[in-house]
Amino acid sequence: MSVMPPPSSPRAAIRDFFAVVRHSSREQVIGALLAILSTIIIIILFLVDPQINTAPPATIVYVEQYGPERTDADIKRDQAKDQAERDAYKEAKKKQFQEIEKKLGM
């Protein structure tokens, strides 16, 4: 004894659907169309959403080429200059946050 009814063909299902719609009231048809429309909109949003703002932005990498005659002293001097720039940037950011903190009364 089978619990599930026998499967029907898609043509029979479509005919059955149109028979139900033909004998339904106007309000039921409008409700069914709104239900189908909202379902289609949700499916479209799920298909479109993963394609929006997913790629990382292009990054530009600048490369400095140095000659083979560059000495260790030159390298250390450049590293010290770069470190000083990073420290100045961090200090400026710290001051900005402290000003915001004072304005907000924290």
Protein backbone atom coordinates (compact mmCIF):
# COMPACT_ATOMS: atom_id res chain seq x y z
CA MET A 1 0.00 0.00 0.00
CA SER A 2 1.54 3.28 -1.13
CA VAL A 3 1.33 6.38 1.00
CA MET A 4 2.21 8.81 -1.79
CA PRO A 5 -0.07 9.28 -4.81
CA PRO A 6 1.30 8.24 -8.18
CA PRO A 7 3.30 10.96 -9.93
CA SER A 8 1.55 12.93 -12.65
CA SER A 9 2.88 14.47 -15.81
CA PRO A 10 3.65 18.21 -16.04
CA ARG A 11 0.87 18.60 -18.62
CA ALA A 12 -1.68 17.17 -16.23
CA ALA A 13 -0.45 19.42 -13.43
CA ILE A 14 -0.73 22.51 -15.65
CA ARG A 15 -4.23 21.51 -16.80
CA ASP A 16 -5.25 21.01 -13.18
CA PHE A 17 -3.80 24.40 -12.22
CA PHE A 18 -5.73 26.19 -14.98
CA ALA A 19 -8.93 24.36 -14.02
CA VAL A 20 -8.58 25.58 -10.43
CA VAL A 21 -7.82 29.14 -11.59
CA ARG A 22 -10.80 29.14 -13.98
CA HIS A 23 -13.22 28.25 -11.19
CA SER A 24 -11.72 30.60 -8.57
CA SER A 25 -12.92 34.03 -7.56
CA ARG A 26 -11.15 37.21 -8.62
CA GLU A 27 -9.63 37.73 -5.15
CA GLN A 28 -8.12 34.25 -5.13
CA VAL A 29 -6.54 34.82 -8.55
CA ILE A 30 -5.08 38.17 -7.45
CA GLY A 31 -3.72 36.56 -4.26
CA ALA A 32 -2.17 33.70 -6.21
CA LEU A 33 -0.55 36.10 -8.69
CA LEU A 34 0.84 38.22 -5.86
CA ALA A 35 2.22 35.11 -4.15
CA ILE A 36 3.87 33.95 -7.39
CA LEU A 37 5.22 37.44 -8.11
CA SER A 38 6.73 37.84 -4.64
CA THR A 39 8.34 34.40 -4.91
CA ILE A 40 9.84 35.28 -8.31
CA ILE A 41 11.19 38.57 -6.95
CA ILE A 42 12.84 36.81 -4.00
CA ILE A 43 14.43 34.22 -6.31
CA ILE A 44 15.72 36.96 -8.62
CA LEU A 45 17.21 38.83 -5.65
CA PHE A 46 18.98 35.67 -4.48
CA LEU A 47 20.41 35.19 -7.97
CA VAL A 48 21.51 38.81 -8.44
CA ASP A 49 22.81 39.60 -4.95
CA PRO A 50 25.97 37.44 -5.00
CA GLN A 51 27.15 39.25 -8.13
CA ILE A 52 27.01 42.77 -6.63
CA ASN A 53 30.10 44.21 -4.91
CA THR A 54 31.84 40.86 -4.54
CA ALA A 55 34.99 41.47 -6.53
CA PRO A 56 37.75 43.21 -4.60
CA PRO A 57 38.78 46.56 -6.02
CA ALA A 58 41.85 46.68 -8.18
CA THR A 59 44.98 47.57 -6.25
CA ILE A 60 47.93 49.38 -7.69
CA VAL A 61 51.34 48.25 -6.53
CA TYR A 62 54.23 50.62 -7.09
CA VAL A 63 57.64 49.01 -7.27
CA GLU A 64 60.89 50.82 -6.77
CA GLN A 65 63.88 49.40 -8.54
CA TYR A 66 67.26 49.93 -7.00
CA GLY A 67 70.60 49.46 -8.63
CA PRO A 68 73.13 46.86 -7.53
CA GLU A 69 75.38 49.62 -6.15
CA ARG A 70 72.93 50.33 -3.30
CA THR A 71 74.63 49.96 0.07
CA ASP A 72 73.34 48.73 3.41
CA ALA A 73 73.54 52.28 4.75
CA ASP A 74 71.20 53.46 1.96
CA ILE A 75 68.75 50.70 2.80
CA LYS A 76 68.77 51.52 6.52
CA ARG A 77 68.34 55.24 5.80
CA ASP A 78 65.31 54.52 3.55
CA GLN A 79 63.82 52.20 6.16
CA ALA A 80 64.24 54.84 8.88
CA LYS A 81 62.57 57.45 6.65
CA ASP A 82 59.64 55.11 5.88
CA GLN A 83 59.27 54.24 9.57
CA ALA A 84 59.20 57.94 10.47
CA GLU A 85 56.41 58.49 7.93
CA ARG A 86 54.41 55.57 9.36
CA ASP A 87 54.89 56.86 12.91
CA ALA A 88 53.78 60.38 11.89
CA TYR A 89 50.67 58.94 10.25
CA LYS A 90 49.83 56.89 13.34
CA GLU A 91 50.34 59.93 15.57
CA ALA A 92 48.07 62.06 13.37
CA LYS A 93 45.37 59.38 13.49
CA LYS A 94 45.74 59.16 17.26
CA LYS A 95 45.26 62.93 17.60
CA GLN A 96 42.16 62.78 15.38
CA PHE A 97 40.62 60.10 17.57
CA GLN A 98 41.49 62.06 20.71
CA GLU A 99 39.73 65.14 19.27
CA ILE A 100 36.66 63.05 18.45
CA GLU A 101 36.79 61.60 21.96
CA LYS A 102 36.85 65.09 23.48
CA LYS A 103 33.92 66.22 21.31
CA LEU A 104 31.85 63.20 22.34
CA GLY A 105 32.79 63.62 26.00
CA MET A 106 34.29 60.20 26.46
